[in-house]
Amino acid sequence: MNVASDRRPDPPDLTDALDRLWRQFLPQMFERVSALETAAGPLSAGNLTDAQREMANSSAHKLAGILGSFGLPEGTVLAREAEALCSSGPGAAPAAAARLWEITVVLRSLIQNRK
């Protein structure tokens, strides 16, 4: 039995409500991606402050939760990876910053192109 084919589509009112919530939270999601982008530079240089690390970590954590709630599991996985990268200590390698930047590009695209 194919479980995916047994899934019923969301009722129209639920879909409309989710779309309204998506639009409501969209600016915050972009702000959180921007916080991750902002952290990538200092992370690369090895001088990410505790405040920047905390902001990036919090932003990634919140993105991980909300993106999954809106049917973007790939976004959740990427946001969790970003959270781990931002949690790394002051000696994080430039490769971590490069990966963080790659993640932000994909997250921004996922958010912009959600249907």
N, C-alpha and C. Protein backbone atom coordinates (compact mmCIF):
# COMPACT_ATOMS: atom_id res chain seq x y z
N MET A 1 0.83 -1.17 0.00
CA MET A 1 0.00 0.00 0.00
C MET A 1 0.88 1.24 0.00
N ASN A 2 0.60 2.17 -0.85
CA ASN A 2 1.39 3.40 -0.95
C ASN A 2 0.79 4.45 -0.04
N VAL A 3 1.51 4.77 1.02
CA VAL A 3 1.01 5.72 2.01
C VAL A 3 0.82 7.10 1.40
N ALA A 4 1.73 7.52 0.54
CA ALA A 4 1.63 8.85 -0.06
C ALA A 4 0.34 9.01 -0.85
N SER A 5 -0.10 7.97 -1.54
CA SER A 5 -1.30 8.09 -2.34
C SER A 5 -2.56 8.06 -1.48
N ASP A 6 -2.44 7.57 -0.23
CA ASP A 6 -3.58 7.53 0.67
C ASP A 6 -3.80 8.84 1.41
N ARG A 7 -2.86 9.74 1.30
CA ARG A 7 -2.98 11.01 2.01
C ARG A 7 -4.01 11.89 1.33
N ARG A 8 -4.91 12.41 2.12
CA ARG A 8 -5.94 13.30 1.58
C ARG A 8 -5.38 14.71 1.50
N PRO A 9 -5.79 15.46 0.50
CA PRO A 9 -5.35 16.85 0.42
C PRO A 9 -5.92 17.64 1.59
N ASP A 10 -5.20 18.69 1.96
CA ASP A 10 -5.68 19.55 3.04
C ASP A 10 -6.98 20.22 2.62
N PRO A 11 -7.91 20.37 3.55
CA PRO A 11 -9.14 21.10 3.23
C PRO A 11 -8.79 22.53 2.82
N PRO A 12 -9.58 23.11 1.92
CA PRO A 12 -9.27 24.46 1.45
C PRO A 12 -9.10 25.49 2.56
N ASP A 13 -9.91 25.43 3.61
CA ASP A 13 -9.78 26.42 4.67
C ASP A 13 -8.48 26.26 5.43
N LEU A 14 -7.99 25.04 5.59
CA LEU A 14 -6.71 24.82 6.25
C LEU A 14 -5.57 25.33 5.37
N THR A 15 -5.65 25.07 4.09
CA THR A 15 -4.64 25.56 3.16
C THR A 15 -4.59 27.08 3.17
N ASP A 16 -5.75 27.71 3.16
CA ASP A 16 -5.81 29.18 3.21
C ASP A 16 -5.21 29.71 4.51
N ALA A 17 -5.52 29.05 5.61
CA ALA A 17 -4.99 29.48 6.90
C ALA A 17 -3.47 29.34 6.93
N LEU A 18 -2.95 28.24 6.40
CA LEU A 18 -1.50 28.05 6.36
C LEU A 18 -0.84 29.10 5.46
N ASP A 19 -1.47 29.40 4.35
CA ASP A 19 -0.93 30.42 3.45
C ASP A 19 -0.90 31.80 4.12
N ARG A 20 -1.95 32.11 4.89
CA ARG A 20 -1.97 33.39 5.62
C ARG A 20 -0.86 33.44 6.66
N LEU A 21 -0.68 32.33 7.37
CA LEU A 21 0.39 32.27 8.37
C LEU A 21 1.76 32.38 7.70
N TRP A 22 1.92 31.74 6.56
CA TRP A 22 3.18 31.83 5.83
C TRP A 22 3.50 33.28 5.50
N ARG A 23 2.52 33.97 4.95
CA ARG A 23 2.73 35.38 4.60
C ARG A 23 3.04 36.22 5.85
N GLN A 24 2.39 35.89 6.95
CA GLN A 24 2.61 36.63 8.20
C GLN A 24 4.04 36.45 8.70
N PHE A 25 4.58 35.24 8.61
CA PHE A 25 5.91 34.95 9.14
C PHE A 25 7.03 35.15 8.12
N LEU A 26 6.69 35.41 6.87
CA LEU A 26 7.69 35.55 5.82
C LEU A 26 8.76 36.60 6.13
N PRO A 27 8.39 37.80 6.57
CA PRO A 27 9.44 38.79 6.88
C PRO A 27 10.41 38.30 7.96
N GLN A 28 9.89 37.63 8.98
CA GLN A 28 10.74 37.11 10.05
C GLN A 28 11.68 36.03 9.52
N MET A 29 11.18 35.21 8.63
CA MET A 29 12.04 34.15 8.08
C MET A 29 13.19 34.77 7.29
N PHE A 30 12.90 35.80 6.51
CA PHE A 30 13.97 36.46 5.76
C PHE A 30 14.96 37.15 6.69
N GLU A 31 14.46 37.73 7.78
CA GLU A 31 15.36 38.35 8.77
C GLU A 31 16.29 37.30 9.38
N ARG A 32 15.76 36.13 9.62
CA ARG A 32 16.58 35.06 10.21
C ARG A 32 17.63 34.56 9.24
N VAL A 33 17.28 34.46 7.96
CA VAL A 33 18.28 34.09 6.96
C VAL A 33 19.35 35.18 6.89
N SER A 34 18.93 36.43 6.95
CA SER A 34 19.89 37.54 6.92
C SER A 34 20.84 37.48 8.11
N ALA A 35 20.33 37.09 9.27
CA ALA A 35 21.20 36.96 10.46
C ALA A 35 22.27 35.89 10.22
N LEU A 36 21.90 34.82 9.53
CA LEU A 36 22.88 33.77 9.21
C LEU A 36 23.90 34.29 8.21
N GLU A 37 23.42 35.04 7.22
CA GLU A 37 24.34 35.63 6.23
C GLU A 37 25.33 36.58 6.91
N THR A 38 24.82 37.37 7.82
CA THR A 38 25.66 38.32 8.54
C THR A 38 26.73 37.61 9.36
N ALA A 39 26.41 36.46 9.89
CA ALA A 39 27.36 35.71 10.72
C ALA A 39 28.45 35.04 9.89
N ALA A 40 28.20 34.78 8.63
CA ALA A 40 29.16 34.04 7.81
C ALA A 40 30.50 34.76 7.68
N GLY A 41 30.49 36.08 7.53
CA GLY A 41 31.74 36.84 7.38
C GLY A 41 32.63 36.74 8.62
N PRO A 42 32.11 37.13 9.78
CA PRO A 42 32.91 37.02 11.00
C PRO A 42 33.30 35.57 11.32
N LEU A 43 32.44 34.61 11.00
CA LEU A 43 32.77 33.21 11.23
C LEU A 43 33.99 32.82 10.41
N SER A 44 34.02 33.28 9.17
CA SER A 44 35.14 33.00 8.28
C SER A 44 36.44 33.60 8.80
N ALA A 45 36.34 34.79 9.36
CA ALA A 45 37.52 35.49 9.86
C ALA A 45 37.92 35.03 11.26
N GLY A 46 37.08 34.20 11.87
CA GLY A 46 37.38 33.69 13.20
C GLY A 46 37.09 34.69 14.30
N ASN A 47 36.28 35.69 14.00
CA ASN A 47 35.98 36.69 15.04
C ASN A 47 34.48 36.92 15.22
N LEU A 48 33.73 35.84 15.16
CA LEU A 48 32.29 35.91 15.43
C LEU A 48 32.11 36.16 16.93
N THR A 49 31.46 37.24 17.26
CA THR A 49 31.26 37.57 18.67
C THR A 49 30.23 36.62 19.29
N ASP A 50 30.21 36.59 20.60
CA ASP A 50 29.22 35.75 21.29
C ASP A 50 27.81 36.20 20.94
N ALA A 51 27.60 37.50 20.85
CA ALA A 51 26.27 38.03 20.50
C ALA A 51 25.87 37.61 19.09
N GLN A 52 26.81 37.70 18.14
CA GLN A 52 26.52 37.29 16.76
C GLN A 52 26.25 35.79 16.70
N ARG A 53 27.04 35.03 17.44
CA ARG A 53 26.86 33.57 17.47
C ARG A 53 25.49 33.21 18.03
N GLU A 54 25.13 33.88 19.12
CA GLU A 54 23.82 33.63 19.74
C GLU A 54 22.68 33.99 18.79
N MET A 55 22.80 35.13 18.11
CA MET A 55 21.75 35.55 17.17
C MET A 55 21.63 34.56 16.01
N ALA A 56 22.77 34.16 15.45
CA ALA A 56 22.74 33.21 14.33
C ALA A 56 22.20 31.86 14.78
N ASN A 57 22.62 31.43 15.94
CA ASN A 57 22.17 30.15 16.48
C ASN A 57 20.66 30.16 16.69
N SER A 58 20.16 31.22 17.31
CA SER A 58 18.73 31.36 17.56
C SER A 58 17.95 31.43 16.25
N SER A 59 18.47 32.17 15.29
CA SER A 59 17.80 32.30 13.99
C SER A 59 17.71 30.96 13.29
N ALA A 60 18.81 30.21 13.30
CA ALA A 60 18.82 28.89 12.65
C ALA A 60 17.84 27.95 13.35
N HIS A 61 17.83 27.99 14.67
CA HIS A 61 16.94 27.12 15.44
C HIS A 61 15.47 27.42 15.12
N LYS A 62 15.12 28.68 15.07
CA LYS A 62 13.74 29.07 14.77
C LYS A 62 13.36 28.72 13.34
N LEU A 63 14.30 28.90 12.41
CA LEU A 63 14.03 28.51 11.02
C LEU A 63 13.79 27.01 10.92
N ALA A 64 14.58 26.23 11.63
CA ALA A 64 14.42 24.77 11.59
C ALA A 64 13.01 24.37 11.98
N GLY A 65 12.48 25.01 13.00
CA GLY A 65 11.13 24.68 13.44
C GLY A 65 10.04 25.12 12.49
N ILE A 66 10.13 26.35 12.04
CA ILE A 66 9.04 26.88 11.23
C ILE A 66 9.02 26.31 9.81
N LEU A 67 10.19 26.06 9.23
CA LEU A 67 10.20 25.55 7.86
C LEU A 67 9.60 24.16 7.77
N GLY A 68 9.86 23.33 8.76
CA GLY A 68 9.25 22.01 8.78
C GLY A 68 7.75 22.09 8.93
N SER A 69 7.30 23.03 9.73
CA SER A 69 5.87 23.21 9.94
C SER A 69 5.14 23.60 8.67
N PHE A 70 5.86 24.24 7.76
CA PHE A 70 5.25 24.67 6.51
C PHE A 70 5.62 23.77 5.34
N GLY A 71 6.02 22.55 5.63
CA GLY A 71 6.23 21.58 4.57
C GLY A 71 7.55 21.71 3.83
N LEU A 72 8.55 22.28 4.48
CA LEU A 72 9.86 22.41 3.87
C LEU A 72 10.90 21.65 4.71
N PRO A 73 10.82 20.31 4.69
CA PRO A 73 11.74 19.53 5.53
C PRO A 73 13.20 19.72 5.14
N GLU A 74 13.47 19.99 3.88
CA GLU A 74 14.85 20.26 3.47
C GLU A 74 15.37 21.51 4.18
N GLY A 75 14.50 22.50 4.33
CA GLY A 75 14.87 23.72 5.03
C GLY A 75 15.18 23.45 6.49
N THR A 76 14.42 22.55 7.10
CA THR A 76 14.67 22.19 8.49
C THR A 76 16.05 21.54 8.63
N VAL A 77 16.37 20.62 7.75
CA VAL A 77 17.67 19.94 7.79
C VAL A 77 18.80 20.95 7.62
N LEU A 78 18.65 21.85 6.66
CA LEU A 78 19.69 22.85 6.42
C LEU A 78 19.82 23.82 7.60
N ALA A 79 18.70 24.23 8.16
CA ALA A 79 18.74 25.16 9.29
C ALA A 79 19.41 24.50 10.49
N ARG A 80 19.17 23.22 10.69
CA ARG A 80 19.84 22.50 11.79
C ARG A 80 21.34 22.43 11.56
N GLU A 81 21.72 22.22 10.31
CA GLU A 81 23.15 22.22 9.99
C GLU A 81 23.75 23.60 10.25
N ALA A 82 23.03 24.65 9.87
CA ALA A 82 23.50 26.01 10.12
C ALA A 82 23.63 26.26 11.62
N GLU A 83 22.68 25.75 12.39
CA GLU A 83 22.74 25.90 13.84
C GLU A 83 24.01 25.24 14.39
N ALA A 84 24.32 24.06 13.90
CA ALA A 84 25.53 23.37 14.34
C ALA A 84 26.79 24.15 13.95
N LEU A 85 26.80 24.71 12.75
CA LEU A 85 27.94 25.50 12.30
C LEU A 85 28.13 26.74 13.16
N CYS A 86 27.03 27.37 13.52
CA CYS A 86 27.09 28.58 14.34
C CYS A 86 27.45 28.28 15.78
N SER A 87 27.24 27.06 16.19
CA SER A 87 27.56 26.67 17.56
C SER A 87 29.02 26.30 17.74
N SER A 88 29.71 26.12 16.61
CA SER A 88 31.11 25.74 16.71
C SER A 88 31.90 26.88 17.36
N GLY A 89 32.99 26.52 17.96
CA GLY A 89 33.78 27.49 18.72
C GLY A 89 34.43 28.55 17.86
N PRO A 90 35.18 29.43 18.51
CA PRO A 90 35.81 30.55 17.83
C PRO A 90 36.79 30.13 16.74
N GLY A 91 37.33 28.94 16.83
CA GLY A 91 38.30 28.49 15.83
C GLY A 91 37.67 27.80 14.64
N ALA A 92 36.39 28.07 14.37
CA ALA A 92 35.72 27.41 13.25
C ALA A 92 36.47 27.68 11.95
N ALA A 93 36.57 26.68 11.16
CA ALA A 93 37.31 26.77 9.91
C ALA A 93 36.56 27.64 8.90
N PRO A 94 37.31 28.27 7.99
CA PRO A 94 36.65 29.02 6.92
C PRO A 94 35.68 28.15 6.11
N ALA A 95 35.94 26.85 6.08
CA ALA A 95 35.03 25.95 5.37
C ALA A 95 33.64 25.97 6.01
N ALA A 96 33.58 26.13 7.33
CA ALA A 96 32.29 26.21 8.01
C ALA A 96 31.53 27.46 7.57
N ALA A 97 32.25 28.55 7.43
CA ALA A 97 31.62 29.79 6.98
C ALA A 97 31.14 29.67 5.54
N ALA A 98 31.94 29.02 4.70
CA ALA A 98 31.54 28.83 3.31
C ALA A 98 30.28 27.96 3.23
N ARG A 99 30.24 26.93 4.06
CA ARG A 99 29.06 26.07 4.08
C ARG A 99 27.85 26.84 4.60
N LEU A 100 28.05 27.67 5.62
CA LEU A 100 26.96 28.48 6.14
C LEU A 100 26.40 29.39 5.05
N TRP A 101 27.29 29.98 4.27
CA TRP A 101 26.84 30.85 3.18
C TRP A 101 26.04 30.05 2.16
N GLU A 102 26.51 28.86 1.80
CA GLU A 102 25.78 28.00 0.85
C GLU A 102 24.38 27.68 1.39
N ILE A 103 24.32 27.38 2.67
CA ILE A 103 23.03 27.07 3.29
C ILE A 103 22.08 28.26 3.20
N THR A 104 22.59 29.46 3.44
CA THR A 104 21.71 30.64 3.40
C THR A 104 21.15 30.85 2.00
N VAL A 105 21.95 30.58 1.00
CA VAL A 105 21.47 30.74 -0.39
C VAL A 105 20.32 29.78 -0.66
N VAL A 106 20.48 28.54 -0.23
CA VAL A 106 19.42 27.55 -0.45
C VAL A 106 18.19 27.87 0.39
N LEU A 107 18.39 28.26 1.65
CA LEU A 107 17.25 28.61 2.50
C LEU A 107 16.45 29.77 1.91
N ARG A 108 17.16 30.80 1.47
CA ARG A 108 16.48 31.95 0.87
C ARG A 108 15.66 31.51 -0.34
N SER A 109 16.24 30.65 -1.16
CA SER A 109 15.54 30.16 -2.35
C SER A 109 14.31 29.32 -1.97
N LEU A 110 14.47 28.43 -1.00
CA LEU A 110 13.34 27.62 -0.56
C LEU A 110 12.19 28.49 -0.07
N ILE A 111 12.52 29.50 0.71
CA ILE A 111 11.50 30.38 1.26
C ILE A 111 10.83 31.20 0.15
N GLN A 112 11.63 31.72 -0.76
CA GLN A 112 11.06 32.54 -1.85
C GLN A 112 10.19 31.72 -2.78
N ASN A 113 10.52 30.45 -2.97
CA ASN A 113 9.83 29.64 -3.97
C ASN A 113 8.80 28.68 -3.41
N ARG A 114 8.49 28.82 -2.13
CA ARG A 114 7.48 27.93 -1.55
C ARG A 114 6.15 28.14 -2.26
N LYS A 115 5.53 27.06 -2.58
CA LYS A 115 4.23 27.13 -3.26
C LYS A 115 3.13 26.81 -2.31
